[in-house]
Structure formats: C-alpha cells, structure tokens
Amino acid sequence: MVVAHLGGRCDLFEATVGLTGNAGPEGSVVFEVWGDGTLLWESDVLSPDSAPVPVQVDVTGRRDVKLVTTPAGDSTVGDRAAWADARVHCE
C-alpha cells in the first residue's frame, strides 16, 4: 500500500498496472485506488496472462490517495504486482 498526500491540489492519477515478468503462474491480484477513504477505482482480477491495464482516475479535490494491491481472495503465492509509470497531475 502507498499513500500520497495531494492536499486537494491534483485532478488526475494515471498508471499502468499488471503483474511483473517474475510473477508465478498462480499469481492473481486486484488493484484499487482510494481517495479520502472512498474506493475510486478497482481492476478486475489480473493474472500473469493478463494484459497491462491503463488506469485514469479523477482525484479532483482529494486530500489523500491510497494505492492498494490485494491478493484477489486467494494466497499471495506468485503475486508480483506493479504500478508502472504512476503519476498525478497537479496545478
């Protein structure tokens, strides 16, 4: 989990999410973006065979944004997740 303090000054979070090349074949994860305690975006369950997923989330006025990766309801065996090119657009 990563928490970024935006102070209400940003309007967009972007990234590309997926499992890394060294994820095990049994790996499966769900990515979540939270803003001030509210779930703003959630991916489908991603596996090593899943294509990378582009993420664009409106974070206008949010004080804090939290990036969460969960084990998709199973074990964490083989889970190697990445938030690639993660960035926020701020004034």
N, C-alpha and C. Protein backbone atom coordinates (compact mmCIF):
# COMPACT_ATOMS: atom_id res chain seq x y z
N MET A 1 0.84 -1.17 0.00
CA MET A 1 0.00 0.00 0.00
C MET A 1 0.89 1.24 0.00
N VAL A 2 0.49 2.22 -0.79
CA VAL A 2 1.18 3.50 -0.86
C VAL A 2 0.14 4.60 -0.66
N VAL A 3 0.47 5.57 0.18
CA VAL A 3 -0.43 6.71 0.39
C VAL A 3 0.31 7.97 -0.05
N ALA A 4 -0.37 8.77 -0.87
CA ALA A 4 0.19 10.04 -1.32
C ALA A 4 -0.72 11.17 -0.83
N HIS A 5 -0.12 12.16 -0.22
CA HIS A 5 -0.87 13.33 0.24
C HIS A 5 -0.91 14.33 -0.91
N LEU A 6 -2.10 14.60 -1.43
CA LEU A 6 -2.27 15.52 -2.56
C LEU A 6 -2.74 16.90 -2.12
N GLY A 7 -3.29 16.99 -0.94
CA GLY A 7 -3.73 18.28 -0.42
C GLY A 7 -4.81 18.96 -1.23
N GLY A 8 -5.56 18.19 -2.01
CA GLY A 8 -6.64 18.77 -2.80
C GLY A 8 -6.18 19.55 -4.02
N ARG A 9 -4.90 19.47 -4.38
CA ARG A 9 -4.34 20.27 -5.47
C ARG A 9 -4.23 19.54 -6.80
N CYS A 10 -4.61 18.26 -6.84
CA CYS A 10 -4.41 17.46 -8.05
C CYS A 10 -5.75 17.03 -8.62
N ASP A 11 -5.73 16.65 -9.91
CA ASP A 11 -7.00 16.29 -10.52
C ASP A 11 -7.01 14.92 -11.20
N LEU A 12 -5.86 14.32 -11.46
CA LEU A 12 -5.84 13.05 -12.18
C LEU A 12 -4.71 12.17 -11.72
N PHE A 13 -5.02 10.89 -11.48
CA PHE A 13 -4.00 9.87 -11.22
C PHE A 13 -3.97 8.94 -12.42
N GLU A 14 -2.76 8.64 -12.89
CA GLU A 14 -2.59 7.72 -14.01
C GLU A 14 -1.52 6.69 -13.70
N ALA A 15 -1.68 5.50 -14.26
CA ALA A 15 -0.68 4.44 -14.14
C ALA A 15 -1.03 3.35 -15.14
N THR A 16 -0.16 2.38 -15.23
CA THR A 16 -0.45 1.14 -15.94
C THR A 16 -0.17 0.03 -14.93
N VAL A 17 -1.15 -0.86 -14.70
CA VAL A 17 -1.00 -1.88 -13.68
C VAL A 17 -0.97 -3.28 -14.30
N GLY A 18 -0.32 -4.18 -13.58
CA GLY A 18 -0.27 -5.56 -14.02
C GLY A 18 0.70 -6.35 -13.17
N LEU A 19 0.82 -7.63 -13.48
CA LEU A 19 1.79 -8.47 -12.80
C LEU A 19 3.12 -8.37 -13.52
N THR A 20 4.21 -8.46 -12.78
CA THR A 20 5.54 -8.34 -13.35
C THR A 20 5.94 -9.64 -14.04
N GLY A 21 7.02 -9.59 -14.78
CA GLY A 21 7.52 -10.75 -15.50
C GLY A 21 7.96 -11.89 -14.61
N ASN A 22 8.24 -11.60 -13.32
CA ASN A 22 8.67 -12.68 -12.41
C ASN A 22 7.54 -13.17 -11.52
N ALA A 23 6.30 -12.83 -11.86
CA ALA A 23 5.15 -13.34 -11.10
C ALA A 23 5.01 -14.84 -11.37
N GLY A 24 4.62 -15.57 -10.35
CA GLY A 24 4.42 -17.01 -10.52
C GLY A 24 3.14 -17.29 -11.30
N PRO A 25 3.02 -18.48 -11.87
CA PRO A 25 1.84 -18.81 -12.68
C PRO A 25 0.53 -18.78 -11.89
N GLU A 26 0.63 -18.92 -10.57
CA GLU A 26 -0.58 -18.88 -9.73
C GLU A 26 -0.88 -17.48 -9.21
N GLY A 27 -0.12 -16.49 -9.64
CA GLY A 27 -0.32 -15.11 -9.19
C GLY A 27 -1.66 -14.55 -9.63
N SER A 28 -2.29 -13.79 -8.75
CA SER A 28 -3.54 -13.09 -9.08
C SER A 28 -3.72 -11.94 -8.11
N VAL A 29 -4.02 -10.76 -8.64
CA VAL A 29 -4.16 -9.58 -7.81
C VAL A 29 -5.31 -8.70 -8.30
N VAL A 30 -5.75 -7.82 -7.41
CA VAL A 30 -6.70 -6.76 -7.74
C VAL A 30 -6.06 -5.46 -7.30
N PHE A 31 -6.10 -4.46 -8.16
CA PHE A 31 -5.58 -3.13 -7.87
C PHE A 31 -6.74 -2.22 -7.48
N GLU A 32 -6.49 -1.35 -6.49
CA GLU A 32 -7.51 -0.40 -6.04
C GLU A 32 -6.89 0.98 -5.87
N VAL A 33 -7.68 2.00 -6.20
CA VAL A 33 -7.31 3.39 -5.94
C VAL A 33 -8.38 3.96 -5.02
N TRP A 34 -7.94 4.46 -3.86
CA TRP A 34 -8.83 5.05 -2.85
C TRP A 34 -8.52 6.53 -2.73
N GLY A 35 -9.53 7.33 -2.52
CA GLY A 35 -9.35 8.76 -2.28
C GLY A 35 -10.13 9.18 -1.06
N ASP A 36 -9.44 9.65 -0.04
CA ASP A 36 -10.07 10.09 1.21
C ASP A 36 -11.04 9.04 1.76
N GLY A 37 -10.64 7.77 1.70
CA GLY A 37 -11.43 6.69 2.28
C GLY A 37 -12.52 6.13 1.38
N THR A 38 -12.63 6.62 0.15
CA THR A 38 -13.64 6.14 -0.79
C THR A 38 -12.97 5.38 -1.94
N LEU A 39 -13.48 4.20 -2.26
CA LEU A 39 -12.94 3.45 -3.39
C LEU A 39 -13.31 4.18 -4.68
N LEU A 40 -12.28 4.59 -5.44
CA LEU A 40 -12.49 5.33 -6.67
C LEU A 40 -12.38 4.46 -7.92
N TRP A 41 -11.58 3.39 -7.84
CA TRP A 41 -11.36 2.52 -8.99
C TRP A 41 -10.87 1.17 -8.50
N GLU A 42 -11.30 0.12 -9.21
CA GLU A 42 -10.86 -1.24 -8.89
C GLU A 42 -10.72 -2.02 -10.19
N SER A 43 -9.63 -2.76 -10.32
CA SER A 43 -9.41 -3.58 -11.51
C SER A 43 -10.16 -4.89 -11.38
N ASP A 44 -10.28 -5.59 -12.50
CA ASP A 44 -10.68 -6.98 -12.46
C ASP A 44 -9.53 -7.77 -11.85
N VAL A 45 -9.72 -9.06 -11.60
CA VAL A 45 -8.63 -9.91 -11.14
C VAL A 45 -7.64 -10.06 -12.30
N LEU A 46 -6.38 -9.74 -12.03
CA LEU A 46 -5.34 -9.86 -13.05
C LEU A 46 -4.43 -11.03 -12.72
N SER A 47 -4.02 -11.76 -13.75
CA SER A 47 -3.11 -12.89 -13.61
C SER A 47 -1.89 -12.62 -14.47
N PRO A 48 -0.89 -13.52 -14.43
CA PRO A 48 0.30 -13.31 -15.28
C PRO A 48 -0.03 -13.27 -16.77
N ASP A 49 -1.14 -13.87 -17.18
CA ASP A 49 -1.54 -13.85 -18.59
C ASP A 49 -2.31 -12.59 -18.98
N SER A 50 -2.69 -11.77 -18.01
CA SER A 50 -3.48 -10.56 -18.28
C SER A 50 -2.61 -9.48 -18.92
N ALA A 51 -3.19 -8.76 -19.86
CA ALA A 51 -2.51 -7.61 -20.45
C ALA A 51 -2.44 -6.49 -19.42
N PRO A 52 -1.43 -5.62 -19.49
CA PRO A 52 -1.38 -4.46 -18.61
C PRO A 52 -2.64 -3.61 -18.79
N VAL A 53 -3.08 -2.99 -17.69
CA VAL A 53 -4.32 -2.21 -17.69
C VAL A 53 -4.00 -0.74 -17.45
N PRO A 54 -4.41 0.14 -18.37
CA PRO A 54 -4.22 1.57 -18.12
C PRO A 54 -5.22 2.06 -17.08
N VAL A 55 -4.76 2.96 -16.22
CA VAL A 55 -5.60 3.50 -15.15
C VAL A 55 -5.64 5.02 -15.28
N GLN A 56 -6.83 5.58 -15.24
CA GLN A 56 -7.02 7.03 -15.16
C GLN A 56 -8.15 7.27 -14.17
N VAL A 57 -7.84 7.95 -13.07
CA VAL A 57 -8.82 8.16 -12.01
C VAL A 57 -8.87 9.65 -11.67
N ASP A 58 -10.08 10.18 -11.63
CA ASP A 58 -10.29 11.57 -11.24
C ASP A 58 -10.08 11.69 -9.73
N VAL A 59 -9.11 12.48 -9.32
CA VAL A 59 -8.82 12.67 -7.89
C VAL A 59 -9.02 14.14 -7.49
N THR A 60 -9.80 14.85 -8.27
CA THR A 60 -10.04 16.28 -8.02
C THR A 60 -10.52 16.51 -6.58
N GLY A 61 -9.81 17.38 -5.88
CA GLY A 61 -10.19 17.76 -4.52
C GLY A 61 -9.82 16.77 -3.43
N ARG A 62 -9.26 15.63 -3.79
CA ARG A 62 -8.90 14.61 -2.78
C ARG A 62 -7.66 15.05 -2.02
N ARG A 63 -7.70 14.86 -0.70
CA ARG A 63 -6.54 15.18 0.13
C ARG A 63 -5.50 14.08 0.06
N ASP A 64 -5.96 12.83 0.11
CA ASP A 64 -5.06 11.68 0.11
C ASP A 64 -5.53 10.64 -0.89
N VAL A 65 -4.58 10.01 -1.55
CA VAL A 65 -4.86 8.90 -2.45
C VAL A 65 -4.05 7.71 -1.99
N LYS A 66 -4.72 6.57 -1.90
CA LYS A 66 -4.07 5.33 -1.44
C LYS A 66 -4.14 4.31 -2.56
N LEU A 67 -2.99 3.71 -2.89
CA LEU A 67 -2.90 2.66 -3.90
C LEU A 67 -2.77 1.33 -3.17
N VAL A 68 -3.68 0.41 -3.45
CA VAL A 68 -3.73 -0.87 -2.75
C VAL A 68 -3.70 -2.00 -3.77
N THR A 69 -2.94 -3.04 -3.46
CA THR A 69 -2.94 -4.27 -4.25
C THR A 69 -3.34 -5.39 -3.33
N THR A 70 -4.41 -6.12 -3.68
CA THR A 70 -4.90 -7.22 -2.84
C THR A 70 -4.62 -8.56 -3.53
N PRO A 71 -4.59 -9.66 -2.76
CA PRO A 71 -4.31 -10.97 -3.33
C PRO A 71 -5.50 -11.63 -4.01
N ALA A 72 -6.50 -10.88 -4.41
CA ALA A 72 -7.63 -11.39 -5.20
C ALA A 72 -8.38 -12.53 -4.52
N GLY A 73 -8.43 -12.51 -3.20
CA GLY A 73 -9.21 -13.51 -2.48
C GLY A 73 -8.53 -14.85 -2.30
N ASP A 74 -7.29 -14.97 -2.72
CA ASP A 74 -6.57 -16.23 -2.53
C ASP A 74 -5.24 -15.93 -1.83
N SER A 75 -4.27 -16.79 -2.00
CA SER A 75 -2.99 -16.59 -1.33
C SER A 75 -2.16 -15.55 -2.09
N THR A 76 -1.03 -15.19 -1.51
CA THR A 76 -0.13 -14.24 -2.15
C THR A 76 0.98 -14.94 -2.94
N VAL A 77 0.91 -16.25 -3.05
CA VAL A 77 1.93 -17.01 -3.79
C VAL A 77 1.94 -16.56 -5.24
N GLY A 78 3.09 -16.14 -5.73
CA GLY A 78 3.25 -15.74 -7.11
C GLY A 78 2.80 -14.32 -7.42
N ASP A 79 2.30 -13.59 -6.42
CA ASP A 79 1.82 -12.23 -6.65
C ASP A 79 3.00 -11.26 -6.71
N ARG A 80 3.26 -10.70 -7.88
CA ARG A 80 4.29 -9.69 -8.07
C ARG A 80 3.66 -8.59 -8.91
N ALA A 81 3.15 -7.59 -8.25
CA ALA A 81 2.35 -6.56 -8.92
C ALA A 81 3.15 -5.28 -9.13
N ALA A 82 2.76 -4.51 -10.14
CA ALA A 82 3.45 -3.25 -10.43
C ALA A 82 2.45 -2.16 -10.80
N TRP A 83 2.72 -0.98 -10.25
CA TRP A 83 2.03 0.26 -10.64
C TRP A 83 3.04 1.00 -11.51
N ALA A 84 3.07 0.72 -12.80
CA ALA A 84 4.07 1.31 -13.69
C ALA A 84 3.69 2.74 -14.09
N ASP A 85 4.69 3.59 -14.19
CA ASP A 85 4.52 4.98 -14.63
C ASP A 85 3.44 5.71 -13.82
N ALA A 86 3.31 5.41 -12.53
CA ALA A 86 2.31 6.06 -11.69
C ALA A 86 2.64 7.55 -11.54
N ARG A 87 1.61 8.39 -11.73
CA ARG A 87 1.82 9.83 -11.61
C ARG A 87 0.50 10.53 -11.35
N VAL A 88 0.60 11.71 -10.75
CA VAL A 88 -0.58 12.56 -10.54
C VAL A 88 -0.35 13.87 -11.29
N HIS A 89 -1.44 14.42 -11.77
CA HIS A 89 -1.40 15.71 -12.46
C HIS A 89 -1.90 16.76 -11.47
N CYS A 90 -1.04 17.73 -11.17
CA CYS A 90 -1.37 18.75 -10.18
C CYS A 90 -1.12 20.14 -10.77
N GLU A 91 -1.82 21.11 -10.21
CA GLU A 91 -1.60 22.51 -10.63
C GLU A 91 -0.37 23.05 -9.96
